[in-house]
Amino acid sequence: MRPLSREHQHGLALCVRLRRRIQQGSLEEAELERMRADVRHFYEAEAREHFDAEEQVLFPAADRHVELRLITRQLRLEHVELRRRASEIDSANAKALADLAELLSSHIRKEENQLFERMQNLMSADELRALAEPLEAALATSGAHCELRKQQ
């Protein structure tokens, strides 16, 4: 699950950048467009394939444990909402960007602190190791395109 966690760090960094810019207040359209571009870049370069990898590899493995099915269901629904917001990013105002940052941050923390922790407690070391190769394969192209953009 390390590759997922690495990409989660990129998502959290994006959320921090968005929040800082929004907290500065009175954003001009040019700054809003830079923020939209950052979200677009993150989604296209990383999040799209990240969500797919989780849905195709991680969540099905977690779903073999009845105790994890509720959380994977919640996470799948959040993926739907995050995809919807990404598709509407071109018209996002400061509030929509702040809401996106909140949802993405909350989603990542839920995966890290609830799903990953519980999977590590419920699954054997062999089961966890068996996820590594398919996850790395599913994420092979997304991580290659991601670069953390510095605030301008």
Protein backbone atom coordinates (compact mmCIF):
# COMPACT_ATOMS: atom_id res chain seq x y z
CA MET A 1 0.00 0.00 0.00
CA ARG A 2 3.07 2.22 0.01
CA PRO A 3 2.54 3.47 -3.55
CA LEU A 4 -0.98 4.55 -2.61
CA SER A 5 0.30 6.32 0.49
CA ARG A 6 2.94 8.12 -1.57
CA GLU A 7 0.25 9.41 -3.90
CA HIS A 8 -1.92 10.31 -0.92
CA GLN A 9 0.88 12.63 0.20
CA HIS A 10 0.65 14.40 -3.16
CA GLY A 11 -3.10 14.82 -2.71
CA LEU A 12 -2.70 16.20 0.80
CA ALA A 13 -0.06 18.64 -0.44
CA LEU A 14 -2.52 19.88 -3.06
CA CYS A 15 -5.17 20.36 -0.37
CA VAL A 16 -2.76 22.39 1.76
CA ARG A 17 -1.83 24.62 -1.20
CA LEU A 18 -5.49 25.20 -2.07
CA ARG A 19 -6.42 26.04 1.51
CA ARG A 20 -3.51 28.46 1.93
CA ARG A 21 -4.37 30.33 -1.24
CA ILE A 22 -8.04 30.54 -0.31
CA GLN A 23 -7.26 31.73 3.23
CA GLN A 24 -5.31 34.64 1.74
CA GLY A 25 -8.68 35.91 0.55
CA SER A 26 -9.94 37.98 -2.39
CA LEU A 27 -8.72 35.71 -5.14
CA GLU A 28 -8.52 37.14 -8.62
CA GLU A 29 -9.61 35.07 -11.59
CA ALA A 30 -6.00 34.40 -12.60
CA GLU A 31 -5.26 32.83 -9.20
CA LEU A 32 -8.47 30.80 -9.31
CA GLU A 33 -7.43 29.52 -12.73
CA ARG A 34 -4.00 28.49 -11.39
CA MET A 35 -5.75 26.59 -8.61
CA ARG A 36 -8.09 24.92 -11.09
CA ALA A 37 -5.07 23.98 -13.22
CA ASP A 38 -3.38 22.41 -10.18
CA VAL A 39 -6.46 20.30 -9.49
CA ARG A 40 -6.77 19.36 -13.17
CA HIS A 41 -3.10 18.33 -13.28
CA PHE A 42 -3.37 16.26 -10.10
CA TYR A 43 -6.51 14.50 -11.30
CA GLU A 44 -5.23 13.76 -14.80
CA ALA A 45 -1.68 12.84 -13.79
CA GLU A 46 -2.45 10.83 -10.71
CA ALA A 47 -5.89 10.66 -9.09
CA ARG A 48 -7.78 9.13 -12.03
CA GLU A 49 -5.57 6.02 -12.14
CA HIS A 50 -5.19 6.02 -8.37
CA PHE A 51 -8.97 5.71 -7.92
CA ASP A 52 -9.10 2.98 -10.56
CA ALA A 53 -6.29 1.02 -8.83
CA GLU A 54 -8.07 1.22 -5.51
CA GLU A 55 -11.37 0.12 -7.03
CA GLN A 56 -9.89 -2.72 -9.08
CA VAL A 57 -7.28 -4.07 -6.66
CA LEU A 58 -7.47 -2.71 -3.13
CA PHE A 59 -11.20 -2.53 -2.43
CA PRO A 60 -12.00 -6.02 -3.75
CA ALA A 61 -9.26 -7.42 -1.51
CA ALA A 62 -10.63 -5.49 1.46
CA ASP A 63 -14.18 -6.63 0.67
CA ARG A 64 -13.18 -10.22 1.38
CA HIS A 65 -13.41 -9.09 5.03
CA VAL A 66 -16.97 -8.25 5.98
CA GLU A 67 -15.71 -5.71 8.54
CA LEU A 68 -14.30 -3.56 5.74
CA ARG A 69 -17.23 -3.53 3.34
CA LEU A 70 -18.92 -0.46 4.80
CA ILE A 71 -15.80 1.65 4.53
CA THR A 72 -15.01 0.51 0.97
CA ARG A 73 -18.59 1.36 0.03
CA GLN A 74 -18.16 4.86 1.50
CA LEU A 75 -14.83 5.30 -0.26
CA ARG A 76 -16.29 4.24 -3.61
CA LEU A 77 -19.07 6.82 -3.20
CA GLU A 78 -16.48 9.46 -2.39
CA HIS A 79 -14.59 8.52 -5.57
CA VAL A 80 -17.78 9.16 -7.55
CA GLU A 81 -18.14 12.58 -5.93
CA LEU A 82 -14.45 13.46 -6.42
CA ARG A 83 -14.68 12.47 -10.09
CA ARG A 84 -17.79 14.63 -10.49
CA ARG A 85 -16.05 17.61 -8.94
CA ALA A 86 -12.98 17.09 -11.10
CA SER A 87 -15.21 17.08 -14.19
CA GLU A 88 -16.64 20.45 -13.11
CA ILE A 89 -13.33 22.05 -12.13
CA ASP A 90 -13.37 24.60 -14.96
CA SER A 91 -16.25 26.47 -13.31
CA ALA A 92 -15.11 26.06 -9.68
CA ASN A 93 -15.07 29.16 -7.52
CA ALA A 94 -13.11 29.57 -4.27
CA LYS A 95 -15.81 27.86 -2.21
CA ALA A 96 -15.98 24.89 -4.57
CA LEU A 97 -12.18 24.57 -4.44
CA ALA A 98 -12.22 24.75 -0.64
CA ASP A 99 -14.95 22.10 -0.50
CA LEU A 100 -12.96 19.88 -2.87
CA ALA A 101 -9.86 20.25 -0.70
CA GLU A 102 -11.88 19.30 2.38
CA LEU A 103 -13.44 16.24 0.73
CA LEU A 104 -10.15 15.03 -0.76
CA SER A 105 -8.28 15.50 2.51
CA SER A 106 -10.98 13.72 4.51
CA HIS A 107 -11.10 10.91 1.95
CA ILE A 108 -7.35 10.36 2.04
CA ARG A 109 -7.25 10.34 5.83
CA LYS A 110 -10.13 7.83 5.92
CA GLU A 111 -8.20 5.51 3.60
CA GLU A 112 -4.96 5.86 5.52
CA ASN A 113 -6.29 5.83 9.10
CA GLN A 114 -9.23 3.52 8.77
CA LEU A 115 -8.98 1.27 5.72
CA PHE A 116 -5.22 0.72 5.59
CA GLU A 117 -4.90 0.29 9.35
CA ARG A 118 -7.76 -2.19 9.48
CA MET A 119 -6.49 -4.10 6.46
CA GLN A 120 -3.10 -4.48 8.13
CA ASN A 121 -4.79 -5.84 11.24
CA LEU A 122 -7.13 -8.22 9.42
CA MET A 123 -4.99 -9.50 6.55
CA SER A 124 -1.99 -11.76 6.70
CA ALA A 125 1.42 -10.56 5.57
CA ASP A 126 1.08 -12.84 2.53
CA GLU A 127 -2.28 -11.31 1.59
CA LEU A 128 -0.83 -7.82 1.86
CA ARG A 129 2.28 -8.74 -0.13
CA ALA A 130 0.05 -10.21 -2.85
CA LEU A 131 -1.46 -6.75 -3.38
CA ALA A 132 1.88 -5.06 -4.03
CA GLU A 133 2.47 -6.19 -7.61
CA PRO A 134 -1.04 -5.52 -8.98
CA LEU A 135 -1.13 -2.13 -7.23
CA GLU A 136 2.27 -1.13 -8.58
CA ALA A 137 1.21 -2.23 -12.07
CA ALA A 138 -2.03 -0.27 -11.86
CA LEU A 139 -0.19 2.83 -10.67
CA ALA A 140 2.81 2.53 -12.99
CA THR A 141 1.78 5.34 -15.28
CA SER A 142 0.22 7.71 -12.76
CA GLY A 143 3.24 8.18 -10.51
CA ALA A 144 5.48 8.80 -13.49
CA HIS A 145 3.49 11.91 -14.43
CA CYS A 146 3.03 13.47 -11.03
CA GLU A 147 5.21 16.26 -9.89
CA LEU A 148 4.42 18.44 -6.93
CA ARG A 149 3.94 21.93 -8.26
CA LYS A 150 5.19 24.73 -6.08
CA GLN A 151 2.89 27.58 -5.18
CA GLN A 152 3.46 30.48 -7.56
